[in-house]
């Protein structure tokens, strides 16, 4: 008997879930008018933030970085779906802190044997507090993010489970 892949296991679980699907009437508008930009790290979840399904838009990428695409999602979240607050959450022990742009490029090039033009940047960083401040600055200085939208930044400590707010320098 062949072992099921992780995707096959998800499909089987979804089949069971769909029989009692309760979210069909859920609004795409976040109940708490909150958007969260955070890392894709498996140790971060809506549970660690005390949120439930439907409370917030959760936008994730490696490092919790304000990229063109996350900015696009945040603008849609605000202008089309009514969010009024944005949280940026990075975390301790992030994989992007343990490498550099060149190291990442070299590692991938060595494994694939080819160079690529995209992504242009991996956004590696060394200091998580400084990275949060950089992301805050990107959002706060963007002309399409209104000053009325609250933008705050945090570091999630993976050891303690606590959020620590990052203030401007």
N, C-alpha and C. Protein backbone atom coordinates (compact mmCIF):
# COMPACT_ATOMS: atom_id res chain seq x y z
N UNK A 1 0.84 -1.19 0.00
CA UNK A 1 0.00 0.00 0.00
C UNK A 1 0.88 1.24 0.00
N UNK A 2 0.63 2.15 -0.90
CA UNK A 2 1.39 3.39 -0.99
C UNK A 2 0.96 4.38 0.09
N UNK A 3 1.93 5.07 0.66
CA UNK A 3 1.62 6.10 1.64
C UNK A 3 1.00 7.29 0.92
N UNK A 4 0.05 7.93 1.57
CA UNK A 4 -0.58 9.11 0.98
C UNK A 4 0.36 10.30 1.12
N UNK A 5 0.38 11.14 0.11
CA UNK A 5 1.16 12.37 0.20
C UNK A 5 0.42 13.34 1.11
N UNK A 6 1.12 14.38 1.55
CA UNK A 6 0.49 15.39 2.40
C UNK A 6 -0.70 16.02 1.68
N UNK A 7 -0.57 16.26 0.36
CA UNK A 7 -1.69 16.85 -0.39
C UNK A 7 -2.87 15.88 -0.43
N UNK A 8 -2.61 14.60 -0.63
CA UNK A 8 -3.70 13.61 -0.63
C UNK A 8 -4.39 13.56 0.73
N UNK A 9 -3.61 13.68 1.82
CA UNK A 9 -4.20 13.71 3.16
C UNK A 9 -5.09 14.94 3.34
N UNK A 10 -4.65 16.09 2.82
CA UNK A 10 -5.45 17.31 2.90
C UNK A 10 -6.74 17.14 2.11
N UNK A 11 -6.65 16.56 0.93
CA UNK A 11 -7.85 16.34 0.11
C UNK A 11 -8.85 15.42 0.83
N UNK A 12 -8.35 14.38 1.46
CA UNK A 12 -9.23 13.47 2.21
C UNK A 12 -9.89 14.19 3.38
N UNK A 13 -9.13 14.98 4.10
CA UNK A 13 -9.68 15.74 5.22
C UNK A 13 -10.69 16.77 4.73
N UNK A 14 -10.42 17.40 3.59
CA UNK A 14 -11.36 18.37 3.04
C UNK A 14 -12.67 17.72 2.63
N UNK A 15 -12.60 16.51 2.10
CA UNK A 15 -13.82 15.78 1.72
C UNK A 15 -14.71 15.59 2.94
N UNK A 16 -14.10 15.22 4.06
CA UNK A 16 -14.85 15.04 5.31
C UNK A 16 -15.40 16.39 5.79
N UNK A 17 -14.56 17.42 5.77
CA UNK A 17 -14.99 18.75 6.20
C UNK A 17 -16.17 19.26 5.37
N UNK A 18 -16.11 19.06 4.06
CA UNK A 18 -17.12 19.64 3.17
C UNK A 18 -18.53 19.12 3.46
N UNK A 19 -18.63 17.97 4.11
CA UNK A 19 -19.94 17.40 4.44
C UNK A 19 -20.70 18.22 5.47
N UNK A 20 -19.96 18.98 6.28
CA UNK A 20 -20.60 19.80 7.31
C UNK A 20 -20.12 21.26 7.24
N UNK A 21 -19.72 21.69 6.04
CA UNK A 21 -19.18 23.03 5.81
C UNK A 21 -20.07 24.11 6.42
N UNK A 22 -19.53 24.85 7.38
CA UNK A 22 -20.30 25.86 8.10
C UNK A 22 -19.94 27.29 7.73
N UNK A 23 -18.90 27.48 6.92
CA UNK A 23 -18.44 28.84 6.63
C UNK A 23 -18.99 29.40 5.33
N UNK A 24 -19.93 28.71 4.70
CA UNK A 24 -20.44 29.16 3.40
C UNK A 24 -21.05 30.55 3.45
N UNK A 25 -21.54 30.96 4.60
CA UNK A 25 -22.15 32.29 4.72
C UNK A 25 -21.21 33.31 5.34
N UNK A 26 -19.95 32.92 5.56
CA UNK A 26 -18.94 33.81 6.13
C UNK A 26 -18.67 34.96 5.16
N UNK A 27 -18.55 36.16 5.67
CA UNK A 27 -18.25 37.33 4.84
C UNK A 27 -16.77 37.37 4.50
N UNK A 28 -16.42 37.88 3.30
CA UNK A 28 -15.00 38.08 3.00
C UNK A 28 -14.42 39.29 3.74
N UNK A 29 -15.31 40.09 4.35
CA UNK A 29 -14.86 41.25 5.13
C UNK A 29 -14.45 40.79 6.53
N UNK A 30 -13.24 41.13 6.96
CA UNK A 30 -12.81 40.66 8.28
C UNK A 30 -13.63 41.31 9.40
N UNK A 31 -14.16 40.47 10.25
CA UNK A 31 -15.03 40.90 11.35
C UNK A 31 -14.37 41.99 12.21
N UNK A 32 -13.07 41.87 12.44
CA UNK A 32 -12.38 42.82 13.32
C UNK A 32 -11.70 43.95 12.55
N UNK A 33 -11.97 44.04 11.25
CA UNK A 33 -11.40 45.09 10.38
C UNK A 33 -9.88 45.15 10.50
N UNK A 34 -9.27 43.96 10.55
CA UNK A 34 -7.84 43.81 10.78
C UNK A 34 -7.20 43.02 9.65
N UNK A 35 -6.04 43.49 9.21
CA UNK A 35 -5.20 42.72 8.28
C UNK A 35 -3.88 42.47 8.99
N UNK A 36 -3.38 41.24 8.87
CA UNK A 36 -2.12 40.85 9.50
C UNK A 36 -1.17 40.40 8.40
N UNK A 37 -0.02 41.06 8.33
CA UNK A 37 1.06 40.61 7.45
C UNK A 37 2.08 39.92 8.34
N UNK A 38 2.31 38.64 8.07
CA UNK A 38 3.22 37.88 8.91
C UNK A 38 4.01 36.89 8.07
N UNK A 39 4.92 36.23 8.73
CA UNK A 39 5.77 35.23 8.08
C UNK A 39 4.98 33.95 7.83
N UNK A 40 5.48 33.15 6.91
CA UNK A 40 4.86 31.86 6.62
C UNK A 40 5.24 30.78 7.62
N UNK A 41 6.06 31.12 8.61
CA UNK A 41 6.54 30.17 9.60
C UNK A 41 5.39 29.38 10.22
N UNK A 42 5.59 28.09 10.37
CA UNK A 42 4.53 27.21 10.88
C UNK A 42 4.20 27.46 12.35
N UNK A 43 5.06 28.15 13.07
CA UNK A 43 4.81 28.39 14.49
C UNK A 43 3.87 29.55 14.75
N UNK A 44 3.53 30.30 13.69
CA UNK A 44 2.58 31.42 13.80
C UNK A 44 1.24 30.99 13.22
N UNK A 45 0.17 31.27 13.93
CA UNK A 45 -1.16 30.95 13.42
C UNK A 45 -2.18 31.92 13.99
N UNK A 46 -3.40 31.86 13.49
CA UNK A 46 -4.43 32.74 14.05
C UNK A 46 -4.66 32.38 15.52
N UNK A 47 -4.43 31.13 15.88
CA UNK A 47 -4.58 30.71 17.28
C UNK A 47 -3.59 31.43 18.19
N UNK A 48 -2.33 31.61 17.72
CA UNK A 48 -1.33 32.29 18.55
C UNK A 48 -1.68 33.76 18.75
N UNK A 49 -2.56 34.28 17.88
CA UNK A 49 -2.97 35.68 17.96
C UNK A 49 -4.34 35.85 18.62
N UNK A 50 -4.95 34.76 19.03
CA UNK A 50 -6.27 34.84 19.65
C UNK A 50 -7.37 35.16 18.66
N UNK A 51 -7.13 34.89 17.38
CA UNK A 51 -8.11 35.18 16.34
C UNK A 51 -8.86 33.93 15.93
N UNK A 52 -10.04 34.13 15.39
CA UNK A 52 -10.84 33.04 14.84
C UNK A 52 -11.00 33.24 13.35
N UNK A 53 -11.43 32.20 12.66
CA UNK A 53 -11.72 32.30 11.24
C UNK A 53 -12.71 33.44 11.02
N UNK A 54 -12.40 34.31 10.07
CA UNK A 54 -13.28 35.43 9.76
C UNK A 54 -12.92 36.72 10.47
N UNK A 55 -12.02 36.68 11.45
CA UNK A 55 -11.66 37.88 12.20
C UNK A 55 -10.78 38.84 11.41
N UNK A 56 -9.87 38.31 10.60
CA UNK A 56 -8.84 39.15 9.97
C UNK A 56 -8.39 38.54 8.65
N UNK A 57 -7.84 39.39 7.80
CA UNK A 57 -7.13 38.90 6.62
C UNK A 57 -5.72 38.57 7.07
N UNK A 58 -5.26 37.38 6.74
CA UNK A 58 -3.92 36.95 7.10
C UNK A 58 -3.12 36.84 5.81
N UNK A 59 -2.09 37.67 5.68
CA UNK A 59 -1.25 37.69 4.48
C UNK A 59 0.12 37.20 4.92
N UNK A 60 0.61 36.16 4.27
CA UNK A 60 1.84 35.53 4.72
C UNK A 60 2.84 35.42 3.58
N UNK A 61 4.10 35.63 3.93
CA UNK A 61 5.20 35.33 3.01
C UNK A 61 6.46 35.10 3.85
N UNK A 62 7.51 34.65 3.21
CA UNK A 62 8.76 34.43 3.93
C UNK A 62 9.26 35.75 4.50
N UNK A 63 9.31 35.84 5.81
CA UNK A 63 9.83 37.02 6.48
C UNK A 63 8.81 38.07 6.86
N UNK A 64 7.56 37.95 6.42
CA UNK A 64 6.58 39.00 6.73
C UNK A 64 7.00 40.32 6.12
N UNK A 65 7.33 40.30 4.83
CA UNK A 65 7.92 41.44 4.14
C UNK A 65 6.85 42.19 3.33
N UNK A 66 6.91 43.51 3.35
CA UNK A 66 6.04 44.32 2.51
C UNK A 66 6.64 44.31 1.11
N UNK A 67 6.10 43.45 0.27
CA UNK A 67 6.50 43.36 -1.13
C UNK A 67 5.40 44.00 -1.98
N UNK A 68 5.62 44.08 -3.27
CA UNK A 68 4.59 44.62 -4.16
C UNK A 68 3.30 43.80 -4.03
N UNK A 69 3.42 42.50 -3.93
CA UNK A 69 2.22 41.67 -3.85
C UNK A 69 1.52 41.78 -2.50
N UNK A 70 2.26 41.85 -1.39
CA UNK A 70 1.59 42.02 -0.11
C UNK A 70 0.95 43.40 -0.02
N UNK A 71 1.59 44.39 -0.59
CA UNK A 71 1.01 45.73 -0.64
C UNK A 71 -0.31 45.69 -1.41
N UNK A 72 -0.31 44.99 -2.55
CA UNK A 72 -1.53 44.83 -3.34
C UNK A 72 -2.64 44.22 -2.48
N UNK A 73 -2.32 43.17 -1.75
CA UNK A 73 -3.32 42.52 -0.90
C UNK A 73 -3.80 43.44 0.21
N UNK A 74 -2.91 44.18 0.83
CA UNK A 74 -3.31 45.11 1.89
C UNK A 74 -4.19 46.23 1.36
N UNK A 75 -3.91 46.71 0.16
CA UNK A 75 -4.75 47.75 -0.44
C UNK A 75 -6.15 47.22 -0.76
N UNK A 76 -6.22 46.00 -1.28
CA UNK A 76 -7.53 45.38 -1.53
C UNK A 76 -8.26 45.19 -0.20
N UNK A 77 -7.54 44.73 0.82
CA UNK A 77 -8.12 44.52 2.14
C UNK A 77 -8.74 45.81 2.68
N UNK A 78 -8.03 46.91 2.53
CA UNK A 78 -8.52 48.19 3.04
C UNK A 78 -9.63 48.78 2.16
N UNK A 79 -9.32 48.98 0.88
CA UNK A 79 -10.24 49.73 0.02
C UNK A 79 -11.47 48.94 -0.42
N UNK A 80 -11.36 47.63 -0.57
CA UNK A 80 -12.51 46.84 -1.01
C UNK A 80 -13.21 46.12 0.13
N UNK A 81 -12.46 45.79 1.20
CA UNK A 81 -13.05 44.94 2.23
C UNK A 81 -13.05 45.54 3.63
N UNK A 82 -12.66 46.82 3.73
CA UNK A 82 -12.93 47.58 4.94
C UNK A 82 -11.99 47.45 6.12
N UNK A 83 -10.78 46.92 5.93
CA UNK A 83 -9.89 46.86 7.09
C UNK A 83 -9.42 48.26 7.48
N UNK A 84 -9.23 48.44 8.76
CA UNK A 84 -8.83 49.75 9.29
C UNK A 84 -7.53 49.70 10.09
N UNK A 85 -7.05 48.47 10.35
CA UNK A 85 -5.81 48.30 11.10
C UNK A 85 -4.95 47.25 10.41
N UNK A 86 -3.63 47.47 10.46
CA UNK A 86 -2.68 46.52 9.89
C UNK A 86 -1.63 46.19 10.95
N UNK A 87 -1.43 44.90 11.16
CA UNK A 87 -0.37 44.42 12.04
C UNK A 87 0.70 43.78 11.17
N UNK A 88 1.95 44.14 11.42
CA UNK A 88 3.08 43.44 10.81
C UNK A 88 3.71 42.61 11.91
N UNK A 89 3.86 41.31 11.65
CA UNK A 89 4.45 40.43 12.67
C UNK A 89 5.60 39.64 12.06
N UNK A 90 6.80 39.88 12.59
CA UNK A 90 7.96 39.04 12.31
C UNK A 90 8.15 38.15 13.55
N UNK A 91 9.17 37.32 13.55
CA UNK A 91 9.35 36.44 14.70
C UNK A 91 10.83 36.12 14.92
N UNK A 92 11.11 35.68 16.13
CA UNK A 92 12.45 35.25 16.47
C UNK A 92 12.76 33.97 15.70
N UNK A 93 14.02 33.69 15.51
CA UNK A 93 14.48 32.46 14.86
C UNK A 93 13.91 32.30 13.44
N UNK A 94 13.83 33.40 12.71
CA UNK A 94 13.35 33.37 11.33
C UNK A 94 14.46 32.83 10.42
N UNK A 95 14.09 31.97 9.49
CA UNK A 95 15.06 31.40 8.57
C UNK A 95 15.79 32.45 7.74
N UNK A 96 15.12 33.57 7.43
CA UNK A 96 15.76 34.62 6.64
C UNK A 96 16.85 35.35 7.41
N UNK A 97 16.88 35.17 8.73
CA UNK A 97 17.92 35.81 9.54
C UNK A 97 19.22 35.01 9.51
N UNK A 98 19.16 33.78 9.05
CA UNK A 98 20.31 32.89 9.11
C UNK A 98 21.01 32.77 7.77
N UNK A 99 20.74 33.71 6.88
CA UNK A 99 21.33 33.66 5.56
C UNK A 99 21.49 35.08 5.02
N UNK A 100 22.03 35.17 3.82
CA UNK A 100 22.14 36.46 3.15
C UNK A 100 21.56 36.28 1.76
N UNK A 101 21.34 37.38 1.08
CA UNK A 101 20.83 37.32 -0.29
C UNK A 101 21.73 36.41 -1.14
N UNK A 102 23.04 36.65 -1.05
CA UNK A 102 23.97 35.89 -1.89
C UNK A 102 24.01 34.42 -1.50
N UNK A 103 23.97 34.15 -0.20
CA UNK A 103 23.96 32.75 0.25
C UNK A 103 22.74 32.02 -0.30
N UNK A 104 21.58 32.66 -0.24
CA UNK A 104 20.36 32.03 -0.76
C UNK A 104 20.47 31.78 -2.25
N UNK A 105 20.93 32.77 -2.99
CA UNK A 105 21.10 32.61 -4.44
C UNK A 105 22.07 31.47 -4.76
N UNK A 106 23.21 31.45 -4.04
CA UNK A 106 24.20 30.39 -4.26
C UNK A 106 23.62 29.01 -3.95
N UNK A 107 22.90 28.91 -2.85
CA UNK A 107 22.32 27.62 -2.44
C UNK A 107 21.36 27.10 -3.51
N UNK A 108 20.50 27.97 -4.01
CA UNK A 108 19.53 27.56 -5.02
C UNK A 108 20.22 27.27 -6.35
N UNK A 109 21.18 28.12 -6.70
CA UNK A 109 21.91 27.90 -7.95
C UNK A 109 22.66 26.56 -7.90
N UNK A 110 23.29 26.27 -6.77
CA UNK A 110 24.03 25.01 -6.63
C UNK A 110 23.12 23.79 -6.75
N UNK A 111 21.90 23.91 -6.27
CA UNK A 111 20.97 22.76 -6.32
C UNK A 111 20.29 22.62 -7.68
N UNK A 112 20.08 23.76 -8.35
CA UNK A 112 19.35 23.70 -9.63
C UNK A 112 20.27 23.73 -10.83
N UNK A 113 21.47 24.29 -10.64
CA UNK A 113 22.41 24.41 -11.75
C UNK A 113 22.07 25.54 -12.71
N UNK A 114 21.17 26.42 -12.30
CA UNK A 114 20.79 27.51 -13.19
C UNK A 114 20.54 28.79 -12.40
N UNK A 115 20.74 29.91 -13.06
CA UNK A 115 20.43 31.21 -12.46
C UNK A 115 19.01 31.57 -12.86
N UNK A 116 18.39 32.43 -12.08
CA UNK A 116 17.03 32.88 -12.39
C UNK A 116 16.95 34.38 -12.21
N UNK A 117 16.04 35.02 -12.91
CA UNK A 117 15.87 36.46 -12.78
C UNK A 117 14.84 36.82 -11.71
N UNK A 118 14.01 35.86 -11.32
CA UNK A 118 13.02 36.13 -10.28
C UNK A 118 13.07 34.99 -9.27
N UNK A 119 12.94 35.27 -8.00
CA UNK A 119 12.70 36.59 -7.44
C UNK A 119 13.95 37.46 -7.48
N UNK A 120 13.71 38.75 -7.58
CA UNK A 120 14.84 39.69 -7.60
C UNK A 120 15.51 39.75 -6.23
N UNK A 121 14.70 39.60 -5.15
CA UNK A 121 15.23 39.67 -3.79
C UNK A 121 14.55 38.61 -2.92
N UNK A 122 15.30 38.11 -1.95
CA UNK A 122 14.73 37.21 -0.94
C UNK A 122 14.43 37.98 0.34
N UNK A 123 14.97 39.18 0.48
CA UNK A 123 14.76 40.05 1.65
C UNK A 123 15.32 39.43 2.93
N UNK A 124 16.50 38.84 2.83
CA UNK A 124 17.18 38.33 4.02
C UNK A 124 17.50 39.52 4.94
N UNK A 125 17.54 39.25 6.23
CA UNK A 125 17.85 40.31 7.20
C UNK A 125 18.56 39.70 8.39
N UNK A 126 19.20 40.54 9.19
CA UNK A 126 19.96 40.06 10.36
C UNK A 126 19.27 40.43 11.67
N UNK A 127 18.60 41.58 11.70
CA UNK A 127 18.02 42.10 12.94
C UNK A 127 16.51 42.17 12.79
N UNK A 128 15.79 41.37 13.57
CA UNK A 128 14.34 41.28 13.40
C UNK A 128 13.64 42.59 13.77
N UNK A 129 14.09 43.28 14.82
CA UNK A 129 13.46 44.56 15.18
C UNK A 129 13.61 45.57 14.06
N UNK A 130 14.82 45.64 13.51
CA UNK A 130 15.09 46.56 12.41
C UNK A 130 14.25 46.19 11.18
N UNK A 131 14.08 44.91 10.92
CA UNK A 131 13.27 44.49 9.79
C UNK A 131 11.83 44.93 9.96
N UNK A 132 11.28 44.79 11.16
CA UNK A 132 9.91 45.24 11.41
C UNK A 132 9.82 46.74 11.17
N UNK A 133 10.78 47.51 11.67
CA UNK A 133 10.77 48.97 11.45
C UNK A 133 10.81 49.29 9.95
N UNK A 134 11.60 48.55 9.19
CA UNK A 134 11.67 48.77 7.73
C UNK A 134 10.32 48.52 7.08
N UNK A 135 9.63 47.46 7.50
CA UNK A 135 8.33 47.15 6.92
C UNK A 135 7.28 48.20 7.31
N UNK A 136 7.34 48.64 8.55
CA UNK A 136 6.44 49.72 9.00
C UNK A 136 6.64 50.97 8.16
N UNK A 137 7.90 51.32 7.92
CA UNK A 137 8.22 52.51 7.13
C UNK A 137 7.68 52.39 5.71
N UNK A 138 7.80 51.21 5.11
CA UNK A 138 7.28 51.00 3.75
C UNK A 138 5.79 51.29 3.69
N UNK A 139 5.05 50.80 4.70
CA UNK A 139 3.60 51.01 4.69
C UNK A 139 3.23 52.45 5.04
N UNK A 140 3.83 52.96 6.10
CA UNK A 140 3.47 54.31 6.55
C UNK A 140 3.82 55.39 5.54
N UNK A 141 4.82 55.13 4.70
CA UNK A 141 5.22 56.15 3.71
C UNK A 141 4.52 55.97 2.37
N UNK A 142 3.74 54.91 2.22
CA UNK A 142 3.09 54.68 0.93
C UNK A 142 1.89 55.62 0.77
N UNK A 143 1.79 56.32 -0.37
CA UNK A 143 0.72 57.31 -0.54
C UNK A 143 -0.68 56.71 -0.56
N UNK A 144 -0.84 55.44 -0.78
CA UNK A 144 -2.17 54.83 -0.83
C UNK A 144 -2.60 54.21 0.49
N UNK A 145 -1.72 54.23 1.50
CA UNK A 145 -2.11 53.78 2.83
C UNK A 145 -2.48 55.04 3.62
N UNK A 146 -3.77 55.26 3.84
CA UNK A 146 -4.20 56.49 4.52
C UNK A 146 -3.65 56.58 5.94
N UNK A 147 -3.42 57.79 6.40
CA UNK A 147 -2.93 58.00 7.77
C UNK A 147 -3.95 57.52 8.80
N UNK A 148 -5.23 57.41 8.38
CA UNK A 148 -6.28 56.94 9.29
C UNK A 148 -6.18 55.44 9.57
N UNK A 149 -5.41 54.71 8.76
CA UNK A 149 -5.21 53.27 8.98
C UNK A 149 -4.10 53.09 10.01
N UNK A 150 -4.41 52.41 11.08
CA UNK A 150 -3.42 52.11 12.12
C UNK A 150 -2.47 51.04 11.59
N UNK A 151 -1.17 51.31 11.67
CA UNK A 151 -0.15 50.35 11.24
C UNK A 151 0.82 50.16 12.41
N UNK A 152 0.87 48.94 12.94
CA UNK A 152 1.75 48.65 14.07
C UNK A 152 2.55 47.39 13.80
N UNK A 153 3.74 47.31 14.40
CA UNK A 153 4.63 46.19 14.17
C UNK A 153 5.00 45.45 15.43
N UNK A 154 5.24 44.13 15.27
CA UNK A 154 5.50 43.27 16.41
C UNK A 154 6.51 42.19 16.07
N UNK A 155 7.14 41.66 17.10
CA UNK A 155 7.98 40.46 16.98
C UNK A 155 7.33 39.40 17.86
N UNK A 156 7.08 38.24 17.26
CA UNK A 156 6.54 37.10 17.99
C UNK A 156 7.72 36.26 18.46
N UNK A 157 7.78 36.01 19.76
CA UNK A 157 8.85 35.18 20.32
C UNK A 157 8.40 33.73 20.27
N UNK A 158 9.05 32.94 19.43
CA UNK A 158 8.62 31.55 19.24
C UNK A 158 8.82 30.70 20.51
N UNK A 159 9.72 31.12 21.39
CA UNK A 159 9.97 30.37 22.63
C UNK A 159 8.88 30.64 23.67
N UNK A 160 8.49 31.90 23.83
CA UNK A 160 7.52 32.26 24.88
C UNK A 160 6.08 32.35 24.36
N UNK A 161 5.93 32.54 23.04
CA UNK A 161 4.59 32.71 22.49
C UNK A 161 4.05 34.12 22.61
N UNK A 162 4.89 35.05 23.03
CA UNK A 162 4.44 36.44 23.25
C UNK A 162 4.79 37.36 22.09
N UNK A 163 3.92 38.35 21.89
CA UNK A 163 4.17 39.43 20.93
C UNK A 163 4.81 40.59 21.67
N UNK A 164 5.80 41.21 21.05
CA UNK A 164 6.46 42.39 21.60
C UNK A 164 6.34 43.49 20.55
N UNK A 165 5.79 44.63 20.95
CA UNK A 165 5.61 45.70 19.98
C UNK A 165 6.94 46.40 19.69
N UNK A 166 7.11 46.74 18.43
CA UNK A 166 8.30 47.46 17.98
C UNK A 166 7.91 48.91 17.75
N UNK A 167 8.55 49.78 18.48
CA UNK A 167 8.28 51.22 18.34
C UNK A 167 9.25 51.79 17.31
N UNK A 168 8.90 52.93 16.76
CA UNK A 168 9.79 53.61 15.82
C UNK A 168 11.10 53.94 16.48
N UNK A 169 12.16 53.96 15.70
CA UNK A 169 13.50 54.23 16.23
C UNK A 169 13.60 55.63 16.79
